Amino acid sequence: MRRAEDLDNEFSGLEQQLALQLERYTPDSLFVQDLKQRLVSSQVFRRRQEIGAVVVASLGLLFVAALAFSLGQLFHRTKKSK
């Protein structure tokens, strides 16, 4: 158990050293904006949006169908009990 704790402490120290060394290296705003624009206009991003829209529409239809079925069953039971 002691060995695992020592290894964890070593990794924590390494992580802190890397964080301090890489702290001063940040991408400039032009690079970030260009990357963002390329990602938004990429085919993968558009495909993901289309798939997301289809999933949301499908779940909406499934919910409406389940609601209609449940209401139909409720009305059928009330008619049957009269």
Protein backbone atom coordinates (compact mmCIF):
# COMPACT_ATOMS: atom_id res chain seq x y z
CA MET A 1 0.00 0.00 0.00
CA ARG A 2 2.89 2.30 0.79
CA ARG A 3 4.32 1.82 -2.70
CA ALA A 4 1.05 2.94 -4.32
CA GLU A 5 1.03 6.09 -2.18
CA ASP A 6 4.64 6.86 -3.12
CA LEU A 7 3.85 6.39 -6.79
CA ASP A 8 0.81 8.65 -6.45
CA ASN A 9 2.96 11.34 -4.82
CA GLU A 10 5.54 11.06 -7.61
CA PHE A 11 2.84 11.47 -10.25
CA SER A 12 1.39 14.46 -8.41
CA GLY A 13 4.82 16.08 -8.31
CA LEU A 14 5.38 15.41 -12.00
CA GLU A 15 1.98 16.85 -12.80
CA GLN A 16 2.73 20.02 -10.85
CA GLN A 17 6.11 20.43 -12.57
CA LEU A 18 4.54 20.05 -16.00
CA ALA A 19 1.79 22.50 -15.12
CA LEU A 20 4.36 25.10 -14.08
CA GLN A 21 6.44 24.58 -17.22
CA LEU A 22 3.49 24.70 -19.61
CA GLU A 23 1.80 27.60 -17.83
CA ARG A 24 3.48 30.22 -20.01
CA TYR A 25 2.66 28.44 -23.27
CA THR A 26 -0.84 29.41 -24.29
CA PRO A 27 -2.18 29.60 -27.83
CA ASP A 28 -2.78 33.07 -29.20
CA SER A 29 -6.33 34.23 -29.84
CA LEU A 30 -5.98 34.12 -33.65
CA PHE A 31 -5.08 30.43 -33.49
CA VAL A 32 -8.00 29.70 -31.18
CA GLN A 33 -10.48 31.58 -33.38
CA ASP A 34 -9.19 29.89 -36.55
CA LEU A 35 -9.39 26.46 -34.94
CA LYS A 36 -12.90 27.16 -33.65
CA GLN A 37 -14.05 28.31 -37.10
CA ARG A 38 -12.58 25.23 -38.79
CA LEU A 39 -14.18 22.91 -36.25
CA VAL A 40 -17.61 24.52 -36.53
CA SER A 41 -17.53 24.37 -40.32
CA SER A 42 -16.20 20.82 -40.43
CA GLN A 43 -18.26 18.01 -41.92
CA VAL A 44 -18.02 15.96 -38.73
CA PHE A 45 -19.50 18.78 -36.64
CA ARG A 46 -22.38 19.25 -39.08
CA ARG A 47 -23.02 15.51 -39.17
CA ARG A 48 -23.08 15.41 -35.38
CA GLN A 49 -25.64 18.22 -35.32
CA GLU A 50 -27.81 16.40 -37.86
CA ILE A 51 -27.66 13.17 -35.89
CA GLY A 52 -28.50 15.05 -32.70
CA ALA A 53 -31.54 16.63 -34.37
CA VAL A 54 -32.75 13.23 -35.59
CA VAL A 55 -32.31 11.71 -32.12
CA VAL A 56 -34.24 14.55 -30.46
CA ALA A 57 -37.05 14.30 -33.02
CA SER A 58 -37.21 10.53 -32.62
CA LEU A 59 -37.38 10.77 -28.85
CA GLY A 60 -40.11 13.39 -29.16
CA LEU A 61 -42.15 11.14 -31.42
CA LEU A 62 -41.62 8.19 -29.10
CA PHE A 63 -42.82 10.28 -26.15
CA VAL A 64 -45.93 11.43 -28.02
CA ALA A 65 -46.70 7.86 -29.12
CA ALA A 66 -46.29 6.55 -25.56
CA LEU A 67 -48.49 9.34 -24.23
CA ALA A 68 -51.17 8.64 -26.85
CA PHE A 69 -51.06 4.91 -26.10
CA SER A 70 -51.35 5.53 -22.36
CA LEU A 71 -54.29 7.87 -22.81
CA GLY A 72 -55.94 5.38 -25.16
CA GLN A 73 -55.55 2.63 -22.58
CA LEU A 74 -56.96 4.89 -19.86
CA PHE A 75 -60.01 5.83 -21.95
CA HIS A 76 -60.54 2.20 -22.96
CA ARG A 77 -60.57 1.11 -19.30
CA THR A 78 -63.02 3.83 -18.30
CA LYS A 79 -65.36 2.88 -21.16
CA LYS A 80 -65.08 -0.79 -20.28
CA SER A 81 -65.88 -0.21 -16.60
CA LYS A 82 -69.15 1.68 -17.38
